Amino acid sequence: MVDLNAAGQFAIVNTQLWKFNVTTAGTYFINAWDGNPPTVSIQCTGSANCTPSTPPTPPAPAPDPSKVTGPTGAATTQKCTFLDGGTLTGSSYTQTVTVTTNCTDGHKTKTCKYTFTYTYNVTPDTDLDGDLSTQSFGVVPFTAWDLVSTTGPSTASITITAKIAGESVVQSTQFPSPGKFSFSLHNRDGSSRVTNLQLFVNGVLAATPGSTLEENCPGCLRGDLGAVDFSYATNAGSNGVTSLLKDGDARTILNNDVFPGNDDGGADGRALARAVMDPVHLDLPPGTYTITLTGTVKGNNALRDINFSVTQTINIVTPGCGG
């Protein structure tokens, strides 16, 4: 897993650096089912003469939050309106629920699939009270933009950080299902198994940072000073029998395998660890930048090395969003 902290929307205003807060921007929209009955389409297959019973109308799914704060959501795509001030606009989308029923006639079966389509509206609500009856849907400049720091007149000072973790599992007669898990990144000689870190900006090498191992302090429980805890998700490569791997809270995974010796990272804490990349500071003018971090996580005993590459995007704009 590589948790790269390089994404964001930034704006340069005179000598100030601002960052777009998409969570705050999302509070300026109501995202809800329109309340109307769904449209229904029916598709039947099979040669039986019977008629399957019509299913009851299912409840409408919960609204999709990505339609507001996702990469193409209403809040995200109107970041320039939030920066410069102006009138927000809404959108609509649909979600479906499928219910299948069937019946039999002798040895024949007939199956009917009912697709219920619900309509949802994303509507600006700049009063933040849920009342749309008196709305102008306008926002003042710098709404949902947070002041980050003071910077020069033409560049934004951005700090890139990353946290890297690796999960291994052994399943055998000695360690039956779910197996013995470890998040160790410690070589026998004491060195880190995370090597060859390189940070690229728009495909050009910008830094070769080092990293520091963070290992759970011996005997430390969650919340203790020196404890290491993180949520693990495989996003940067894997090998072997990958179906044995687990995503989730790293400490919980260790404490629920078949090997008690690695609970809470084991006696020395090393089974619960991650590498923290040295911060990389960049001074960037307005533009869109692809930030890519590559590196290698050595396998146990230097076997089955995994080379990884993860990418995020930084957008830096000025009032008018560069226009």
Protein backbone atom coordinates (compact mmCIF):
# COMPACT_ATOMS: atom_id res chain seq x y z
CA MET A 1 0.00 0.00 0.00
CA VAL A 2 1.24 3.50 -0.86
CA ASP A 3 -0.67 6.40 0.74
CA LEU A 4 0.58 9.28 -1.41
CA ASN A 5 -0.45 12.74 -0.19
CA ALA A 6 -0.03 14.77 -3.36
CA ALA A 7 -3.55 15.49 -4.57
CA GLY A 8 -5.32 18.80 -4.20
CA GLN A 9 -6.66 21.98 -5.71
CA PHE A 10 -4.62 25.10 -4.91
CA ALA A 11 -4.96 28.79 -5.81
CA ILE A 12 -2.37 31.58 -5.77
CA VAL A 13 -3.80 34.99 -4.81
CA ASN A 14 -1.19 37.75 -4.53
CA THR A 15 1.01 36.39 -1.71
CA GLN A 16 -1.42 33.82 -0.36
CA LEU A 17 -1.83 30.11 -1.06
CA TRP A 18 -5.35 28.72 -0.84
CA LYS A 19 -6.61 25.13 -1.07
CA PHE A 20 -10.05 24.08 -2.26
CA ASN A 21 -12.03 22.28 0.46
CA VAL A 22 -14.36 19.99 -1.47
CA THR A 23 -15.98 18.74 1.76
CA THR A 24 -17.03 22.27 2.68
CA ALA A 25 -18.14 22.94 -0.89
CA GLY A 26 -20.32 19.84 -0.75
CA THR A 27 -22.36 21.35 2.09
CA TYR A 28 -23.69 23.94 -0.38
CA PHE A 29 -25.71 21.29 -2.22
CA ILE A 30 -28.73 19.16 -1.44
CA ASN A 31 -28.46 15.67 -2.90
CA ALA A 32 -31.76 13.81 -2.78
CA TRP A 33 -34.21 11.53 -4.56
CA ASP A 34 -36.87 13.66 -6.27
CA GLY A 35 -39.64 11.71 -4.51
CA ASN A 36 -41.33 10.54 -7.69
CA PRO A 37 -42.15 6.86 -8.27
CA PRO A 38 -39.48 5.06 -10.26
CA THR A 39 -39.87 4.17 -13.90
CA VAL A 40 -40.02 0.41 -14.41
CA SER A 41 -38.68 -1.67 -17.28
CA ILE A 42 -39.30 -5.39 -17.56
CA GLN A 43 -37.27 -8.01 -19.38
CA CYS A 44 -38.52 -11.60 -19.40
CA THR A 45 -36.88 -14.80 -20.61
CA GLY A 46 -38.03 -18.40 -20.74
CA SER A 47 -40.78 -20.36 -22.51
CA ALA A 48 -43.15 -21.12 -19.62
CA ASN A 49 -46.75 -19.95 -19.97
CA CYS A 50 -46.95 -18.76 -16.36
CA THR A 51 -46.63 -15.12 -15.28
CA PRO A 52 -44.17 -14.33 -12.46
CA SER A 53 -45.58 -12.29 -9.61
CA THR A 54 -44.87 -8.56 -9.77
CA PRO A 55 -42.44 -7.60 -7.00
CA PRO A 56 -43.22 -4.72 -4.64
CA THR A 57 -41.48 -1.44 -5.40
CA PRO A 58 -38.13 -1.42 -3.56
CA PRO A 59 -37.06 1.63 -1.54
CA ALA A 60 -35.01 4.27 -3.31
CA PRO A 61 -31.23 3.81 -2.87
CA ALA A 62 -29.32 6.31 -0.75
CA PRO A 63 -28.08 9.35 -2.72
CA ASP A 64 -24.65 8.93 -4.33
CA PRO A 65 -22.24 11.35 -2.55
CA SER A 66 -19.77 11.20 -5.46
CA LYS A 67 -22.27 13.23 -7.51
CA VAL A 68 -21.43 16.14 -5.20
CA THR A 69 -17.85 15.69 -3.97
CA GLY A 70 -16.43 13.11 -6.40
CA PRO A 71 -13.95 13.96 -9.18
CA THR A 72 -16.79 14.96 -11.53
CA GLY A 73 -19.27 15.99 -8.83
CA ALA A 74 -21.13 19.31 -8.71
CA ALA A 75 -18.91 20.78 -5.97
CA THR A 76 -15.61 19.71 -7.53
CA THR A 77 -16.38 20.89 -11.05
CA GLN A 78 -17.49 24.32 -9.78
CA LYS A 79 -14.33 25.06 -7.78
CA CYS A 80 -13.73 28.16 -9.92
CA THR A 81 -17.18 29.51 -9.04
CA PHE A 82 -16.38 29.01 -5.37
CA LEU A 83 -13.04 30.80 -5.89
CA ASP A 84 -14.25 33.77 -7.93
CA GLY A 85 -17.82 34.02 -6.64
CA GLY A 86 -20.90 33.44 -8.73
CA THR A 87 -23.98 31.33 -9.21
CA LEU A 88 -23.86 27.61 -8.55
CA THR A 89 -25.71 25.18 -10.79
CA GLY A 90 -27.28 21.81 -10.09
CA SER A 91 -27.56 18.51 -11.89
CA SER A 92 -29.54 15.29 -11.90
CA TYR A 93 -28.73 11.60 -12.16
CA THR A 94 -30.41 8.21 -11.84
CA GLN A 95 -29.87 5.06 -9.82
CA THR A 96 -31.44 1.66 -10.43
CA VAL A 97 -32.58 -1.30 -8.36
CA THR A 98 -33.12 -4.65 -10.08
CA VAL A 99 -35.52 -7.30 -8.73
CA THR A 100 -35.86 -10.73 -10.37
CA THR A 101 -38.90 -13.02 -10.07
CA ASN A 102 -39.66 -16.32 -11.75
CA CYS A 103 -42.29 -19.03 -12.05
CA THR A 104 -42.42 -22.58 -13.39
CA ASP A 105 -44.84 -24.36 -15.72
CA GLY A 106 -44.09 -28.04 -15.67
CA HIS A 107 -40.39 -28.29 -16.43
CA LYS A 108 -40.24 -24.83 -17.95
CA THR A 109 -39.19 -21.64 -16.17
CA LYS A 110 -39.94 -18.02 -16.93
CA THR A 111 -37.82 -15.28 -15.36
CA CYS A 112 -38.64 -11.57 -15.35
CA LYS A 113 -36.20 -8.86 -14.37
CA TYR A 114 -37.76 -5.61 -13.13
CA THR A 115 -35.48 -2.56 -13.25
CA PHE A 116 -36.66 0.35 -11.09
CA THR A 117 -35.02 3.67 -12.07
CA TYR A 118 -35.04 6.54 -9.54
CA THR A 119 -34.16 10.17 -10.34
CA TYR A 120 -32.05 12.30 -8.00
CA ASN A 121 -31.39 16.05 -7.99
CA VAL A 122 -28.24 17.84 -6.84
CA THR A 123 -29.45 21.34 -6.02
CA PRO A 124 -27.48 24.35 -4.72
CA ASP A 125 -28.55 25.55 -1.28
CA THR A 126 -26.36 28.48 -0.28
CA ASP A 127 -28.52 29.25 2.79
CA LEU A 128 -27.46 25.84 4.16
CA ASP A 129 -30.91 25.35 5.65
CA GLY A 130 -32.46 22.91 3.19
CA ASP A 131 -35.01 25.50 2.05
CA LEU A 132 -34.84 26.09 -1.69
CA SER A 133 -37.75 28.55 -1.87
CA THR A 134 -35.71 31.75 -1.42
CA GLN A 135 -32.42 30.83 -3.03
CA SER A 136 -30.25 32.89 -5.35
CA PHE A 137 -27.65 30.08 -5.38
CA GLY A 138 -24.80 32.61 -5.29
CA VAL A 139 -21.52 32.38 -3.36
CA VAL A 140 -19.00 35.08 -2.56
CA PRO A 141 -15.32 34.76 -3.63
CA PHE A 142 -13.16 32.30 -1.68
CA THR A 143 -16.14 30.26 -0.46
CA ALA A 144 -14.89 26.74 0.46
CA TRP A 145 -11.27 27.74 -0.12
CA ASP A 146 -8.96 27.51 2.92
CA LEU A 147 -5.93 29.74 3.41
CA VAL A 148 -2.92 27.43 3.60
CA SER A 149 0.07 29.74 3.81
CA THR A 150 1.74 32.89 2.60
CA THR A 151 3.86 32.33 -0.48
CA GLY A 152 5.58 34.20 -3.28
CA PRO A 153 3.62 36.04 -5.96
CA SER A 154 4.05 33.42 -8.68
CA THR A 155 4.56 29.97 -7.13
CA ALA A 156 2.82 27.68 -4.68
CA SER A 157 4.89 25.88 -2.05
CA ILE A 158 3.54 22.32 -1.93
CA THR A 159 4.72 19.60 0.45
CA ILE A 160 4.44 15.98 -0.77
CA THR A 161 4.38 13.15 1.76
CA ALA A 162 3.73 9.40 1.53
CA LYS A 163 3.31 6.39 3.81
CA ILE A 164 4.20 2.93 2.51
CA ALA A 165 3.17 -0.43 3.96
CA GLY A 166 3.53 -4.03 2.86
CA GLU A 167 1.47 -7.05 3.87
CA SER A 168 2.60 -10.69 3.74
CA VAL A 169 0.74 -13.86 4.66
CA VAL A 170 1.81 -17.48 5.06
CA GLN A 171 -0.77 -20.27 5.00
CA SER A 172 0.35 -23.85 5.65
CA THR A 173 -0.27 -26.86 7.86
CA GLN A 174 1.60 -24.99 10.59
CA PHE A 175 -0.40 -21.81 9.94
CA PRO A 176 -3.86 -22.87 8.72
CA SER A 177 -6.47 -20.45 7.36
CA PRO A 178 -6.49 -17.48 7.60
CA GLY A 179 -2.73 -17.85 8.00
CA LYS A 180 0.06 -15.86 9.62
CA PHE A 181 0.14 -12.17 8.68
CA SER A 182 2.86 -9.56 8.95
CA PHE A 183 3.36 -5.90 8.04
CA SER A 184 7.10 -5.99 8.73
CA LEU A 185 9.39 -3.83 6.59
CA HIS A 186 12.57 -4.69 8.50
CA ASN A 187 15.48 -6.52 6.87
CA ARG A 188 17.59 -8.82 9.02
CA ASP A 189 20.45 -6.32 8.89
CA GLY A 190 18.18 -3.61 10.30
CA SER A 191 17.66 -1.75 7.03
CA SER A 192 14.32 -0.89 5.49
CA ARG A 193 12.80 -3.03 2.75
CA VAL A 194 11.49 0.18 1.10
CA THR A 195 14.09 1.38 -1.40
CA ASN A 196 14.63 3.35 -4.62
CA LEU A 197 12.01 6.03 -3.96
CA GLN A 198 11.71 8.50 -6.83
CA LEU A 199 9.27 11.39 -7.17
CA PHE A 200 8.37 12.63 -10.67
CA VAL A 201 6.54 15.83 -11.64
CA ASN A 202 4.94 15.55 -15.10
CA GLY A 203 7.29 12.66 -15.86
CA VAL A 204 10.47 14.53 -14.84
CA LEU A 205 12.46 13.28 -11.84
CA ALA A 206 12.15 15.89 -9.07
CA ALA A 207 13.51 14.10 -5.98
CA THR A 208 14.90 10.81 -4.65
CA PRO A 209 13.66 10.97 -1.06
CA GLY A 210 14.58 8.62 1.72
CA SER A 211 12.19 7.14 4.24
CA THR A 212 12.03 6.25 7.93
CA LEU A 213 10.53 3.10 9.41
CA GLU A 214 7.74 3.57 11.93
CA GLU A 215 7.40 0.35 13.96
CA ASN A 216 4.92 -0.21 16.75
CA CYS A 217 6.71 0.29 20.06
CA PRO A 218 7.12 -3.04 21.95
CA GLY A 219 3.93 -3.88 23.81
CA CYS A 220 2.14 -0.71 22.72
CA LEU A 221 -1.61 -0.92 22.27
CA ARG A 222 -3.74 1.29 20.08
CA GLY A 223 -3.66 4.87 21.35
CA ASP A 224 -0.44 4.45 23.34
CA LEU A 225 2.39 6.89 22.79
CA GLY A 226 4.53 5.37 20.03
CA ALA A 227 1.78 3.06 18.74
CA VAL A 228 1.56 2.59 14.96
CA ASP A 229 -1.90 2.08 13.46
CA PHE A 230 -3.18 2.42 9.92
CA SER A 231 -5.80 1.11 7.56
CA TYR A 232 -4.29 -1.10 4.84
CA ALA A 233 -5.51 -1.31 1.24
CA THR A 234 -3.61 -3.06 -1.56
CA ASN A 235 -3.24 -0.33 -4.20
CA ALA A 236 0.35 -0.59 -5.43
CA GLY A 237 0.97 -4.16 -6.56
CA SER A 238 1.02 -7.71 -5.22
CA ASN A 239 2.26 -11.18 -6.03
CA GLY A 240 1.80 -14.79 -4.97
CA VAL A 241 -1.62 -16.10 -3.89
CA THR A 242 -3.23 -12.67 -3.66
CA SER A 243 -6.59 -14.09 -2.54
CA LEU A 244 -5.04 -14.64 0.90
CA LEU A 245 -4.35 -10.93 1.40
CA LYS A 246 -6.68 -8.78 3.48
CA ASP A 247 -7.53 -5.09 3.47
CA GLY A 248 -8.55 -3.31 6.65
CA ASP A 249 -7.14 -2.17 9.97
CA ALA A 250 -3.59 -3.57 10.16
CA ARG A 251 -3.58 -4.24 13.91
CA THR A 252 -6.93 -6.03 13.72
CA ILE A 253 -5.65 -8.24 10.89
CA LEU A 254 -2.62 -9.26 12.96
CA ASN A 255 -4.64 -9.86 16.10
CA ASN A 256 -7.11 -12.13 14.31
CA ASP A 257 -4.75 -14.47 12.46
CA VAL A 258 -3.58 -17.87 13.77
CA PHE A 259 -0.22 -16.69 15.11
CA PRO A 260 -0.49 -14.96 18.52
CA GLY A 261 3.21 -14.10 18.42
CA ASN A 262 2.55 -11.17 16.09
CA ASP A 263 -0.35 -9.65 18.05
CA ASP A 264 0.08 -5.86 18.29
CA GLY A 265 3.21 -6.19 16.15
CA GLY A 266 4.84 -8.90 18.25
CA ALA A 267 7.25 -8.55 21.16
CA ASP A 268 9.46 -6.12 19.23
CA GLY A 269 6.60 -4.38 17.39
CA ARG A 270 8.19 -4.97 13.99
CA ALA A 271 5.28 -6.92 12.51
CA LEU A 272 3.22 -3.70 12.59
CA ALA A 273 5.16 -1.11 10.62
CA ARG A 274 5.14 1.36 7.76
CA ALA A 275 7.70 3.57 6.06
CA VAL A 276 7.25 7.34 6.06
CA MET A 277 8.78 9.12 3.09
CA ASP A 278 10.88 12.21 3.79
CA PRO A 279 8.78 15.26 2.80
CA VAL A 280 9.44 16.72 -0.64
CA HIS A 281 8.89 20.46 -1.02
CA LEU A 282 7.97 21.82 -4.46
CA ASP A 283 7.55 25.41 -5.66
CA LEU A 284 5.13 25.29 -8.60
CA PRO A 285 3.56 28.01 -10.76
CA PRO A 286 -0.11 27.79 -11.83
CA GLY A 287 -0.85 24.65 -13.85
CA THR A 288 -1.82 20.99 -13.63
CA TYR A 289 0.82 18.58 -12.39
CA THR A 290 0.97 14.80 -12.38
CA ILE A 291 2.85 13.61 -9.29
CA THR A 292 4.18 10.04 -9.51
CA LEU A 293 5.99 8.15 -6.74
CA THR A 294 7.87 4.97 -7.67
CA GLY A 295 9.94 2.60 -5.59
CA THR A 296 10.57 -0.97 -4.52
CA VAL A 297 9.39 -3.00 -1.56
CA LYS A 298 11.68 -5.96 -1.12
CA GLY A 299 10.06 -9.29 -0.38
CA ASN A 300 10.97 -11.35 2.66
CA ASN A 301 14.60 -12.48 2.40
CA ALA A 302 14.95 -10.17 -0.63
CA LEU A 303 12.67 -12.46 -2.68
CA ARG A 304 9.66 -11.45 -4.80
CA ASP A 305 10.39 -7.73 -4.87
CA ILE A 306 7.45 -5.49 -5.80
CA ASN A 307 8.05 -2.36 -7.86
CA PHE A 308 5.28 0.18 -7.39
CA SER A 309 4.09 3.37 -9.06
CA VAL A 310 1.27 5.58 -7.78
CA THR A 311 0.04 8.86 -9.28
CA GLN A 312 -1.99 11.85 -8.10
CA THR A 313 -2.78 15.26 -9.59
CA ILE A 314 -2.24 18.79 -8.27
CA ASN A 315 -4.09 21.75 -9.79
CA ILE A 316 -2.83 25.29 -9.10
CA VAL A 317 -4.94 28.18 -10.34
CA THR A 318 -5.20 31.97 -9.96
CA PRO A 319 -8.41 34.00 -9.69
CA GLY A 320 -10.36 33.39 -12.86
CA CYS A 321 -8.95 29.87 -12.67
CA GLY A 322 -6.26 30.87 -15.16
CA GLY A 323 -8.74 32.32 -17.64
